[in-house]
Amino acid sequence: MLQQYQRWFRYILVDEYQDTNVAQYLWLRLLAQAHRNICCVGDDDQSIYGWRGAEVGNILRFEKDFPGAAVIRLEQNYRSTQHILSAAGGVIAANKGRLGKELWTEAEGGEKVRLIGHWDGDEEARWIGEEIESMQRGTRGMDPMSLDQMAILVRASHQMRAFEDRFLTIGLPYRVIGGPRFYERMEIRDAMAYFRVVTSPDDDLAFERIVNTPKRGLGDKAQQKIQYTARQHGVSLTEGAQILLDEKGLGGKGAKELQALLDGITRWGRMAGDATMTHMELAEIILDESGYTAMWQNDKTPEAPGRLENLKELVKALESFENLTGFLEHVALVMDNNTEEAGEKVSIMTLHAAKGLEFPAVFLPGWEDGLFPSQRSMDESGLKGLEEERRLAYVGITRAERICTISFVGNRRVFGQWQSALPSRFIDEIPPEHVDVLTAPGLYGGGYGAAAPQSNLHEAASRADVYNSPGWRRLKERASARPVSQPSESRNSVIDLTATSSHTVGERVFHQKFGYGTITGIEGDKLDIAFEKAGDKKVVAKFIMPADDIPF
């Protein structure tokens, strides 16, 4: 049988070879053994689908699998400026599992990659919205740019929520590519249905959506009984369900689970009027006690972690509103937003969905360690996962033709708690000569990445008042005193797990933003600190100093 297929397929051409899985790889090797006429086209630096089975090693082993094969590197780029190509090349060069290439272009000029830090995610969304409108009007010293020429590429889908809300507020047209809008996602619709039933028990559509989600043993027949009873008594489905249970019209597990749901709706409704409880806390209680959160925690599909992240983002979105009712009204307006494709729109999509696309202007928000690179990817796949995340960064940067803007925030809200966010390690891998730092003084010193490169300490100090602190002056003194022959610290080591910390557990320290605190744990150069006013946080050692060194 193999020989027959080999006779049929004398010449084999494979596109996107870096995305082949193990089965496809073995199949191709068998087919090509007879005539050895195989041509594979691919880019090992764009292998970003390992989570769905793609194996980058397939293309890395090509010369070994087919000895004597000619390898032709297509390094000339016809899309992006040299600053963008060099920035992407600097990042991907940190990967060890690659064939290696250096992109270049004949195009001259172009802006450097722009880097900007923000206080939090909402400020990031506001700034990007204003920047897009400025570029659209042509007020940045260049010709006006169409909204269709601009894109926002995020690492995780839950990041889209802040941009969608902001753009709807300012009336900026947008489209989500590669998936539904945030509030149209299944898990968000389910959660919103729970909230609507709690604030308005007469909402029959919402009750229908959640009555058997998660599964409560209430199949079509049981739900038909609820519908019939409600119509017979002229009441809502919630009341009809209670009447059906009181009349013993439903038995078994379904009756028990339905009663628990009805009791929960009543209890959550009372909590909504409790002045001592925030509506964010109430939302978490509803999702937890209903079993909805546990349903996705127990789900083993690849989509489950992302759905849980979206639910966390939904709870975070409640902060901007006084109560659940106000939030529900806001979402109703969002859902009524005109979704017609006519007219210019900014594109919002994940980095994975952007592969193969290109835009004159690209915004890359959320470049923080843990978000990008993804902590889950690194935890599950270690170095292999980190290298795929780096390839994803390479893909993101190279989607830009003329303007590429990378942004990070100093604070993210996680599990209802504010946490300091560390700039992505990928930022420090971009060659500084291709970066234009826009960060305002005060946030990470306005510096480059987590801190300014050691070779540019004096230049960085002139840009940011925060560098006048005693700790920063000592850092400059140490840099000046270092022998010329001693190599400077590597810029691509934002968090070094192998580092030996000079601090000790129990030591009292000071952070310029969070104040005084005590070290409770040490992992490399990452410290667990219990701050007196800001609570527990993880901070890289370079951002803190001994409390005794602070002048009173």
Protein backbone atom coordinates (compact mmCIF):
# COMPACT_ATOMS: atom_id res chain seq x y z
CA MET A 1 0.00 0.00 0.00
CA LEU A 2 2.85 2.42 0.88
CA GLN A 3 4.52 1.79 -2.48
CA GLN A 4 1.29 2.55 -4.27
CA TYR A 5 0.96 5.93 -2.56
CA GLN A 6 4.61 6.65 -3.25
CA ARG A 7 3.97 6.03 -6.97
CA TRP A 8 0.98 8.36 -6.89
CA PHE A 9 2.78 11.19 -5.10
CA ARG A 10 6.14 11.63 -6.83
CA TYR A 11 6.47 15.33 -5.92
CA ILE A 12 5.37 16.71 -2.55
CA LEU A 13 5.02 20.38 -1.59
CA VAL A 14 4.16 21.26 2.02
CA ASP A 15 3.21 24.78 3.09
CA GLU A 16 3.36 26.00 6.71
CA TYR A 17 5.61 23.05 7.56
CA GLN A 18 6.28 24.45 11.05
CA ASP A 19 2.62 23.78 11.94
CA THR A 20 2.63 20.04 11.12
CA ASN A 21 1.98 17.57 13.93
CA VAL A 22 3.76 14.31 14.65
CA ALA A 23 1.36 12.14 12.60
CA GLN A 24 1.64 14.40 9.56
CA TYR A 25 5.42 14.47 9.92
CA LEU A 26 5.72 10.65 9.95
CA TRP A 27 3.31 10.34 7.05
CA LEU A 28 5.31 12.81 4.93
CA ARG A 29 8.59 11.05 5.67
CA LEU A 30 7.16 7.75 4.49
CA LEU A 31 5.71 9.25 1.30
CA ALA A 32 8.96 11.04 0.39
CA GLN A 33 11.29 8.11 1.02
CA ALA A 34 10.96 6.68 -2.50
CA HIS A 35 11.63 9.70 -4.73
CA ARG A 36 12.90 12.27 -2.21
CA ASN A 37 11.18 15.02 -4.14
CA ILE A 38 9.84 17.08 -1.25
CA CYS A 39 9.76 20.85 -0.85
CA CYS A 40 8.72 22.32 2.50
CA VAL A 41 7.94 25.98 3.03
CA GLY A 42 7.76 27.31 6.56
CA ASP A 43 9.09 29.62 9.23
CA ASP A 44 10.27 27.99 12.44
CA ASP A 45 9.98 31.37 14.19
CA GLN A 46 6.23 31.39 13.53
CA SER A 47 5.40 27.99 15.06
CA ILE A 48 2.75 29.09 17.58
CA TYR A 49 0.27 26.20 17.63
CA GLY A 50 1.98 23.74 19.96
CA TRP A 51 -1.15 23.75 22.14
CA ARG A 52 -3.03 22.03 19.32
CA GLY A 53 -0.36 19.52 18.37
CA ALA A 54 2.05 21.41 16.09
CA GLU A 55 5.67 20.34 16.57
CA VAL A 56 8.36 22.91 15.71
CA GLY A 57 10.97 20.14 15.78
CA ASN A 58 9.63 18.87 12.46
CA ILE A 59 11.07 21.80 10.54
CA LEU A 60 14.20 21.97 12.70
CA ARG A 61 15.03 18.37 11.76
CA PHE A 62 14.42 18.80 8.02
CA GLU A 63 18.09 18.71 6.97
CA LYS A 64 18.71 15.66 9.14
CA ASP A 65 15.63 13.84 7.83
CA PHE A 66 16.50 14.60 4.20
CA PRO A 67 20.32 14.75 3.88
CA GLY A 68 21.53 16.84 0.97
CA ALA A 69 18.41 19.00 0.89
CA ALA A 70 18.95 22.62 -0.10
CA VAL A 71 17.90 25.20 2.49
CA ILE A 72 16.96 28.61 1.09
CA ARG A 73 16.47 31.41 3.62
CA LEU A 74 14.01 34.04 2.47
CA GLU A 75 15.22 36.92 4.62
CA GLN A 76 14.17 39.96 2.60
CA ASN A 77 10.98 41.47 3.97
CA TYR A 78 8.66 43.58 1.83
CA ARG A 79 6.23 44.64 4.54
CA SER A 80 7.80 46.16 7.66
CA THR A 81 10.37 48.84 8.41
CA GLN A 82 13.87 47.88 9.57
CA HIS A 83 13.19 49.09 13.11
CA ILE A 84 10.26 46.66 13.38
CA LEU A 85 12.21 43.79 11.83
CA SER A 86 15.24 44.36 14.07
CA ALA A 87 13.06 44.58 17.17
CA ALA A 88 11.39 41.27 16.33
CA GLY A 89 14.77 39.76 15.47
CA GLY A 90 16.19 40.79 18.83
CA VAL A 91 13.37 39.07 20.68
CA ILE A 92 13.42 35.80 18.72
CA ALA A 93 17.21 35.57 18.91
CA ALA A 94 16.82 34.52 22.57
CA ASN A 95 15.26 31.22 21.43
CA LYS A 96 17.67 28.30 21.21
CA GLY A 97 15.40 26.02 19.16
CA ARG A 98 15.52 27.75 15.79
CA LEU A 99 17.28 27.57 12.41
CA GLY A 100 18.23 31.24 12.49
CA LYS A 101 17.74 34.11 10.04
CA GLU A 102 18.04 37.89 9.91
CA LEU A 103 15.25 39.82 8.24
CA TRP A 104 16.09 42.93 6.25
CA THR A 105 14.32 45.35 3.96
CA GLU A 106 15.22 47.84 1.25
CA ALA A 107 12.66 50.28 2.66
CA GLU A 108 14.25 53.24 4.42
CA GLY A 109 13.12 55.27 7.42
CA GLY A 110 10.21 54.46 9.65
CA GLU A 111 9.48 54.95 13.35
CA LYS A 112 11.13 52.99 16.11
CA VAL A 113 9.01 50.51 18.05
CA ARG A 114 7.17 52.56 20.64
CA LEU A 115 7.13 51.33 24.26
CA ILE A 116 4.84 52.79 26.89
CA GLY A 117 3.86 51.79 30.42
CA HIS A 118 0.55 52.65 32.10
CA TRP A 119 -0.77 52.57 35.65
CA ASP A 120 -3.48 49.97 34.95
CA GLY A 121 -5.47 48.27 32.19
CA ASP A 122 -8.17 50.95 32.00
CA GLU A 123 -5.57 53.67 31.47
CA GLU A 124 -3.95 51.50 28.80
CA ALA A 125 -7.28 51.20 26.96
CA ARG A 126 -7.91 54.94 27.25
CA TRP A 127 -4.49 55.83 25.86
CA ILE A 128 -4.75 53.43 22.94
CA GLY A 129 -8.23 54.75 22.11
CA GLU A 130 -6.95 58.34 22.09
CA GLU A 131 -3.91 57.36 20.04
CA ILE A 132 -6.09 55.63 17.45
CA GLU A 133 -8.29 58.71 17.12
CA SER A 134 -5.19 60.89 16.81
CA MET A 135 -3.78 58.71 14.04
CA GLN A 136 -7.16 58.71 12.31
CA ARG A 137 -7.19 62.53 12.29
CA GLY A 138 -3.57 62.73 11.17
CA THR A 139 -2.50 64.85 14.15
CA ARG A 140 0.69 62.85 14.79
CA GLY A 141 2.62 64.63 12.06
CA MET A 142 1.63 62.10 9.43
CA ASP A 143 -1.17 61.56 6.94
CA PRO A 144 -4.54 60.48 8.37
CA MET A 145 -4.85 56.72 8.75
CA SER A 146 -8.01 54.66 8.24
CA LEU A 147 -9.36 52.66 11.18
CA ASP A 148 -9.18 49.61 8.91
CA GLN A 149 -5.41 50.05 8.91
CA MET A 150 -5.11 49.67 12.69
CA ALA A 151 -5.26 46.56 14.88
CA ILE A 152 -5.00 45.65 18.56
CA LEU A 153 -3.47 42.22 19.15
CA VAL A 154 -3.92 40.69 22.62
CA ARG A 155 -2.43 37.58 24.18
CA ALA A 156 -5.68 36.43 25.84
CA SER A 157 -9.28 37.02 24.83
CA HIS A 158 -10.25 38.42 28.24
CA GLN A 159 -8.07 41.47 27.48
CA MET A 160 -10.57 42.54 24.83
CA ARG A 161 -13.18 43.59 27.40
CA ALA A 162 -11.42 46.80 28.45
CA PHE A 163 -11.00 47.89 24.83
CA GLU A 164 -14.55 47.03 23.82
CA ASP A 165 -16.00 48.98 26.76
CA ARG A 166 -13.74 51.96 26.10
CA PHE A 167 -14.41 52.08 22.37
CA LEU A 168 -18.16 51.90 22.93
CA THR A 169 -17.91 54.74 25.43
CA ILE A 170 -16.10 57.04 22.98
CA GLY A 171 -18.00 55.80 19.92
CA LEU A 172 -14.99 54.27 18.18
CA PRO A 173 -16.10 51.56 15.69
CA TYR A 174 -14.40 48.20 16.12
CA ARG A 175 -14.64 44.58 15.03
CA VAL A 176 -13.52 41.43 16.81
CA ILE A 177 -11.83 38.97 14.44
CA GLY A 178 -11.55 35.25 15.07
CA GLY A 179 -14.24 34.99 17.72
CA PRO A 180 -17.29 36.62 19.32
CA ARG A 181 -17.20 39.91 21.16
CA PHE A 182 -16.53 39.66 24.88
CA TYR A 183 -20.15 39.93 26.02
CA GLU A 184 -21.26 37.48 23.31
CA ARG A 185 -19.14 34.61 24.64
CA MET A 186 -21.09 31.66 25.99
CA GLU A 187 -19.72 31.79 29.54
CA ILE A 188 -20.35 35.54 29.77
CA ARG A 189 -23.94 35.14 28.57
CA ASP A 190 -24.47 32.39 31.15
CA ALA A 191 -23.07 34.51 33.98
CA MET A 192 -25.11 37.51 32.90
CA ALA A 193 -28.24 35.34 32.92
CA TYR A 194 -27.57 34.45 36.57
CA PHE A 195 -27.15 38.13 37.41
CA ARG A 196 -30.38 39.03 35.61
CA VAL A 197 -32.39 36.37 37.45
CA VAL A 198 -31.07 37.62 40.79
CA THR A 199 -31.91 41.28 40.06
CA SER A 200 -35.13 40.42 38.20
CA PRO A 201 -36.62 36.99 39.08
CA ASP A 202 -39.33 37.52 36.43
CA ASP A 203 -36.76 37.36 33.58
CA ASP A 204 -37.92 34.12 31.95
CA LEU A 205 -35.28 34.08 29.20
CA ALA A 206 -32.50 34.30 31.75
CA PHE A 207 -34.08 31.58 33.91
CA GLU A 208 -34.39 29.27 30.90
CA ARG A 209 -30.69 29.71 30.18
CA ILE A 210 -29.45 28.86 33.67
CA VAL A 211 -32.01 26.36 34.98
CA ASN A 212 -29.93 23.39 33.78
CA THR A 213 -26.54 25.09 33.49
CA PRO A 214 -24.60 23.46 35.03
CA LYS A 215 -26.43 20.15 34.66
CA ARG A 216 -29.04 19.65 37.38
CA GLY A 217 -30.90 16.65 36.02
CA LEU A 218 -33.57 18.91 34.50
CA GLY A 219 -34.05 17.64 30.96
CA ASP A 220 -36.51 18.81 28.31
CA LYS A 221 -39.46 17.06 29.96
CA ALA A 222 -38.84 18.68 33.36
CA GLN A 223 -38.44 22.09 31.78
CA GLN A 224 -41.67 21.61 29.84
CA LYS A 225 -43.45 20.95 33.16
CA ILE A 226 -42.07 24.21 34.54
CA GLN A 227 -43.27 26.09 31.44
CA TYR A 228 -46.73 24.51 31.64
CA THR A 229 -47.16 25.25 35.35
CA ALA A 230 -46.08 28.88 34.91
CA ARG A 231 -48.53 29.42 32.05
CA GLN A 232 -51.32 27.68 33.95
CA HIS A 233 -50.92 30.02 36.92
CA GLY A 234 -50.00 33.11 34.91
CA VAL A 235 -46.68 33.61 36.70
CA SER A 236 -42.99 33.75 35.82
CA LEU A 237 -40.94 30.62 35.29
CA THR A 238 -39.22 31.14 38.65
CA GLU A 239 -42.55 31.16 40.47
CA GLY A 240 -43.87 28.36 38.27
CA ALA A 241 -40.90 26.18 39.24
CA GLN A 242 -41.61 26.74 42.94
CA ILE A 243 -45.31 25.92 42.48
CA LEU A 244 -44.38 22.73 40.61
CA LEU A 245 -42.12 21.66 43.48
CA ASP A 246 -44.75 22.51 46.11
CA GLU A 247 -47.29 20.39 44.24
CA LYS A 248 -44.80 17.49 44.08
CA GLY A 249 -44.96 17.62 40.29
CA LEU A 250 -41.25 16.89 40.04
CA GLY A 251 -39.20 14.29 41.90
CA GLY A 252 -35.73 12.78 42.18
CA LYS A 253 -32.44 14.58 41.82
CA GLY A 254 -33.93 17.19 39.52
CA ALA A 255 -36.40 18.34 42.19
CA LYS A 256 -33.67 18.64 44.81
CA GLU A 257 -31.33 20.56 42.50
CA LEU A 258 -34.13 22.87 41.31
CA GLN A 259 -35.08 23.72 44.89
CA ALA A 260 -31.44 24.50 45.68
CA LEU A 261 -31.32 26.85 42.68
CA LEU A 262 -34.53 28.65 43.70
CA ASP A 263 -33.32 29.00 47.28
CA GLY A 264 -30.06 30.38 45.93
CA ILE A 265 -31.84 32.98 43.77
CA THR A 266 -33.81 34.14 46.80
CA ARG A 267 -30.72 34.28 49.01
CA TRP A 268 -28.63 36.12 46.40
CA GLY A 269 -31.46 38.61 45.93
CA ARG A 270 -31.37 39.43 49.65
CA MET A 271 -27.58 39.80 49.47
CA ALA A 272 -27.98 42.37 46.69
CA GLY A 273 -29.59 44.69 49.24
CA ASP A 274 -26.85 44.15 51.82
CA ALA A 275 -24.88 47.38 52.13
CA THR A 276 -21.91 45.55 53.67
CA MET A 277 -21.32 43.45 50.54
CA THR A 278 -19.99 44.75 47.24
CA HIS A 279 -21.61 43.68 44.00
CA MET A 280 -18.26 42.21 42.92
CA GLU A 281 -18.32 39.91 45.95
CA LEU A 282 -21.95 39.06 45.22
CA ALA A 283 -21.10 38.15 41.61
CA GLU A 284 -18.37 35.79 42.77
CA ILE A 285 -20.73 34.19 45.31
CA ILE A 286 -23.42 33.66 42.66
CA LEU A 287 -21.01 32.00 40.25
CA ASP A 288 -19.45 29.86 42.98
CA GLU A 289 -22.59 28.76 44.84
CA SER A 290 -24.49 28.03 41.62
CA GLY A 291 -21.75 25.59 40.63
CA TYR A 292 -21.02 27.47 37.43
CA THR A 293 -17.38 28.22 38.26
CA ALA A 294 -16.81 24.62 39.36
CA MET A 295 -18.30 23.40 36.08
CA TRP A 296 -15.50 25.08 34.10
CA GLN A 297 -12.86 24.18 36.69
CA ASN A 298 -13.74 20.51 36.18
CA ASP A 299 -13.95 20.83 32.39
CA LYS A 300 -10.93 19.25 30.66
CA THR A 301 -11.31 20.90 27.25
CA PRO A 302 -8.58 23.32 26.04
CA GLU A 303 -11.09 26.19 26.12
CA ALA A 304 -11.92 25.88 29.84
CA PRO A 305 -8.98 27.93 31.25
CA GLY A 306 -9.78 30.78 28.88
CA ARG A 307 -13.44 30.73 29.90
CA LEU A 308 -12.45 30.99 33.56
CA GLU A 309 -10.21 33.96 32.73
CA ASN A 310 -13.15 35.62 30.97
CA LEU A 311 -15.34 35.12 34.07
CA LYS A 312 -12.67 36.78 36.22
CA GLU A 313 -12.56 39.67 33.75
CA LEU A 314 -16.35 39.96 33.95
CA VAL A 315 -16.24 40.32 37.74
CA LYS A 316 -13.47 42.91 37.34
CA ALA A 317 -15.68 44.88 34.94
CA LEU A 318 -18.27 45.35 37.72
CA GLU A 319 -15.95 47.73 39.58
CA SER A 320 -16.92 50.65 37.38
CA PHE A 321 -20.60 50.42 38.35
CA GLU A 322 -22.55 51.04 41.55
CA ASN A 323 -24.52 47.80 41.42
CA LEU A 324 -25.44 44.80 39.29
CA THR A 325 -28.44 46.58 37.80
CA GLY A 326 -26.31 49.43 36.44
CA PHE A 327 -23.86 46.94 34.96
CA LEU A 328 -26.64 44.96 33.28
CA GLU A 329 -28.00 48.14 31.71
CA HIS A 330 -24.52 48.93 30.38
CA VAL A 331 -24.17 45.48 28.83
CA ALA A 332 -27.59 45.85 27.21
CA LEU A 333 -26.32 48.99 25.48
CA VAL A 334 -23.13 47.19 24.46
CA MET A 335 -25.08 44.36 22.89
CA ASP A 336 -27.22 46.83 20.97
CA ASN A 337 -24.12 48.33 19.38
CA ASN A 338 -24.32 48.41 15.59
CA THR A 339 -22.44 45.35 14.33
CA GLU A 340 -22.85 46.03 10.61
CA GLU A 341 -19.63 45.62 8.65
CA ALA A 342 -20.12 48.87 6.73
CA GLY A 343 -17.63 51.63 7.50
CA GLU A 344 -14.12 51.71 8.93
CA LYS A 345 -13.42 49.74 12.09
CA VAL A 346 -10.44 49.01 14.30
CA SER A 347 -9.64 45.29 14.40
CA ILE A 348 -9.26 43.53 17.76
CA MET A 349 -8.00 39.95 17.84
CA THR A 350 -5.71 37.56 19.63
CA LEU A 351 -2.11 37.15 18.52
CA HIS A 352 -2.89 33.61 17.36
CA ALA A 353 -5.70 34.88 15.11
CA ALA A 354 -3.40 37.56 13.62
CA LYS A 355 -0.94 35.15 12.00
CA GLY A 356 -0.81 35.80 8.27
CA LEU A 357 -2.35 39.28 8.57
CA GLU A 358 -0.70 42.68 8.35
CA PHE A 359 -1.63 46.24 9.32
CA PRO A 360 0.11 49.61 8.92
CA ALA A 361 -0.31 50.24 12.67
CA VAL A 362 -0.38 47.58 15.39
CA PHE A 363 -0.90 47.94 19.14
CA LEU A 364 0.40 45.15 21.40
CA PRO A 365 -1.02 45.68 24.92
CA GLY A 366 -0.53 43.62 28.06
CA TRP A 367 3.18 42.81 27.75
CA GLU A 368 3.63 41.72 31.37
CA ASP A 369 5.21 38.59 32.79
CA GLY A 370 2.49 36.08 33.60
CA LEU A 371 0.16 37.48 30.97
CA PHE A 372 2.70 37.53 28.14
CA PRO A 373 4.56 35.25 28.32
CA SER A 374 1.62 33.26 29.66
CA GLN A 375 2.29 31.81 33.09
CA ARG A 376 0.08 28.83 32.30
CA SER A 377 2.07 28.05 29.16
CA MET A 378 5.35 28.21 31.07
CA ASP A 379 4.01 26.12 33.95
CA GLU A 380 2.70 23.41 31.62
CA SER A 381 5.55 23.29 29.09
CA GLY A 382 8.54 24.93 30.78
CA LEU A 383 11.25 26.23 28.43
CA LYS A 384 9.41 24.84 25.42
CA GLY A 385 6.35 26.88 26.37
CA LEU A 386 8.44 30.02 26.92
CA GLU A 387 10.03 29.68 23.47
CA GLU A 388 6.61 29.34 21.84
CA GLU A 389 5.47 32.46 23.69
CA ARG A 390 8.54 34.25 22.34
CA ARG A 391 7.64 33.12 18.81
CA LEU A 392 4.18 34.57 19.43
CA ALA A 393 5.81 37.90 20.35
CA TYR A 394 7.79 37.72 17.10
CA VAL A 395 4.60 37.13 15.13
CA GLY A 396 2.89 40.06 16.87
CA ILE A 397 5.65 42.58 16.17
CA THR A 398 6.00 41.54 12.53
CA ARG A 399 2.30 42.11 11.86
CA ALA A 400 3.09 45.85 11.83
CA GLU A 401 4.10 47.56 8.61
CA ARG A 402 4.90 51.11 9.79
CA ILE A 403 4.00 51.67 13.45
CA CYS A 404 4.31 49.13 16.26
CA THR A 405 3.35 50.10 19.82
CA ILE A 406 4.01 47.80 22.79
CA SER A 407 2.43 48.63 26.14
CA PHE A 408 2.43 47.21 29.65
CA VAL A 409 0.77 48.20 32.92
CA GLY A 410 2.09 48.50 36.44
CA ASN A 411 -1.01 47.03 38.07
CA ARG A 412 -3.52 44.32 37.19
CA ARG A 413 -6.51 43.20 39.20
CA VAL A 414 -6.33 39.42 39.76
CA PHE A 415 -8.88 37.46 41.81
CA GLY A 416 -10.32 40.76 43.05
CA GLN A 417 -6.93 41.96 44.35
CA TRP A 418 -4.63 44.56 42.87
CA GLN A 419 -1.25 43.09 42.04
CA SER A 420 1.87 44.81 40.77
CA ALA A 421 2.67 43.64 37.25
CA LEU A 422 6.19 43.19 35.94
CA PRO A 423 7.00 44.19 32.35
CA SER A 424 7.40 41.22 30.05
CA ARG A 425 10.89 39.77 29.80
CA PHE A 426 10.45 40.06 26.02
CA ILE A 427 10.59 43.86 26.33
CA ASP A 428 14.15 43.75 27.60
CA GLU A 429 15.14 41.55 24.65
CA ILE A 430 14.35 44.27 22.11
CA PRO A 431 17.56 46.07 21.05
CA PRO A 432 17.40 49.57 22.62
CA GLU A 433 18.47 51.31 19.41
CA HIS A 434 15.13 50.29 17.87
CA VAL A 435 12.92 51.43 20.78
CA ASP A 436 11.35 54.81 21.52
CA VAL A 437 10.33 54.90 25.21
CA LEU A 438 7.14 56.90 25.83
CA THR A 439 6.56 55.85 29.44
CA ALA A 440 5.87 58.82 31.70
CA PRO A 441 8.27 59.45 34.61
CA GLY A 442 7.22 57.63 37.78
CA LEU A 443 6.17 54.24 36.40
CA TYR A 444 9.15 51.92 36.50
CA GLY A 445 11.11 55.14 36.34
CA GLY A 446 9.86 55.72 32.83
CA GLY A 447 12.60 53.32 31.90
CA TYR A 448 13.10 50.66 29.32
CA GLY A 449 11.39 47.42 30.32
CA ALA A 450 11.55 46.62 34.01
CA ALA A 451 14.46 49.05 34.38
CA ALA A 452 16.69 51.05 32.09
CA PRO A 453 19.67 49.16 30.61
CA GLN A 454 22.73 49.47 32.83
CA SER A 455 24.66 51.10 30.00
CA ASN A 456 22.12 53.94 29.83
CA LEU A 457 21.72 54.73 33.52
CA HIS A 458 22.64 58.40 33.27
CA GLU A 459 20.47 58.96 30.20
CA ALA A 460 17.55 57.26 31.96
CA ALA A 461 18.08 59.32 35.10
CA SER A 462 17.73 62.49 33.08
CA ARG A 463 14.30 61.35 31.87
CA ALA A 464 12.70 60.44 35.19
CA ASP A 465 12.54 62.20 38.56
CA VAL A 466 12.05 58.90 40.35
CA TYR A 467 15.69 58.05 39.69
CA ASN A 468 16.71 60.66 42.26
CA SER A 469 15.89 58.19 45.05
CA PRO A 470 18.70 56.99 47.35
CA GLY A 471 18.42 53.45 46.04
CA TRP A 472 18.76 54.54 42.42
CA ARG A 473 21.78 56.71 43.25
CA ARG A 474 23.46 53.70 44.86
CA LEU A 475 22.71 51.63 41.75
CA LYS A 476 24.38 54.25 39.56
CA GLU A 477 27.39 54.32 41.86
CA ARG A 478 27.76 50.53 41.66
CA ALA A 479 27.50 50.67 37.85
CA SER A 480 30.17 53.40 37.67
CA ALA A 481 32.48 51.46 39.99
CA ARG A 482 32.22 48.21 38.01
CA PRO A 483 35.46 47.30 36.18
CA VAL A 484 35.35 47.87 32.41
CA SER A 485 36.17 44.21 31.74
CA GLN A 486 33.19 43.03 33.80
CA PRO A 487 30.13 42.35 31.62
CA SER A 488 27.00 44.33 32.41
CA GLU A 489 23.84 42.65 33.58
CA SER A 490 21.89 40.91 30.86
CA ARG A 491 18.88 42.93 29.74
CA ASN A 492 16.92 39.80 29.00
CA SER A 493 16.72 38.66 32.61
CA VAL A 494 13.69 40.37 34.13
CA ILE A 495 13.10 37.52 36.57
CA ASP A 496 16.07 35.29 37.27
CA LEU A 497 15.04 32.17 39.17
CA THR A 498 18.68 31.08 39.49
CA ALA A 499 19.81 34.30 41.12
CA THR A 500 20.98 34.35 44.73
CA SER A 501 19.11 37.05 46.60
CA SER A 502 20.98 39.41 48.92
CA HIS A 503 17.81 39.71 50.98
CA THR A 504 16.53 37.44 53.74
CA VAL A 505 13.09 36.32 54.91
CA GLY A 506 11.88 38.62 57.67
CA GLU A 507 13.86 41.61 56.38
CA ARG A 508 12.04 44.95 56.39
CA VAL A 509 12.20 46.70 53.01
CA PHE A 510 10.83 49.72 51.16
CA HIS A 511 9.16 50.01 47.71
CA GLN A 512 8.59 53.43 46.15
CA LYS A 513 4.96 52.66 45.29
CA PHE A 514 3.86 50.19 47.96
CA GLY A 515 5.80 51.59 50.92
CA TYR A 516 7.22 49.52 53.79
CA GLY A 517 6.89 45.77 54.04
CA THR A 518 8.45 42.53 55.27
CA ILE A 519 9.87 39.78 53.06
CA THR A 520 7.94 36.53 53.54
CA GLY A 521 9.46 34.40 50.78
CA ILE A 522 12.28 34.36 48.22
CA GLU A 523 12.39 32.70 44.78
CA GLY A 524 15.53 33.68 42.88
CA ASP A 525 15.34 37.46 42.54
CA LYS A 526 11.54 37.47 43.01
CA LEU A 527 10.40 38.33 46.54
CA ASP A 528 7.10 37.72 48.35
CA ILE A 529 6.51 40.84 50.45
CA ALA A 530 3.76 41.63 52.97
CA PHE A 531 3.39 45.41 52.62
CA GLU A 532 1.91 47.32 55.53
CA LYS A 533 -0.61 49.20 53.39
CA ALA A 534 -0.67 47.45 50.01
CA GLY A 535 -0.98 43.82 51.18
CA ASP A 536 0.88 40.78 49.83
CA LYS A 537 2.70 41.22 46.51
CA LYS A 538 5.45 39.66 44.41
CA VAL A 539 8.22 42.11 43.55
CA VAL A 540 11.56 41.73 41.76
CA ALA A 541 14.44 42.51 44.12
CA LYS A 542 15.78 45.35 41.97
CA PHE A 543 12.68 47.43 42.81
CA ILE A 544 13.09 47.37 46.60
CA MET A 545 15.71 48.55 49.05
CA PRO A 546 16.41 47.92 52.75
CA ALA A 547 14.14 50.01 54.95
CA ASP A 548 17.13 51.19 56.97
CA ASP A 549 18.48 52.99 53.89
CA ILE A 550 15.47 55.27 53.62
CA PRO A 551 16.17 58.73 55.09
CA PHE A 552 13.49 60.10 57.40
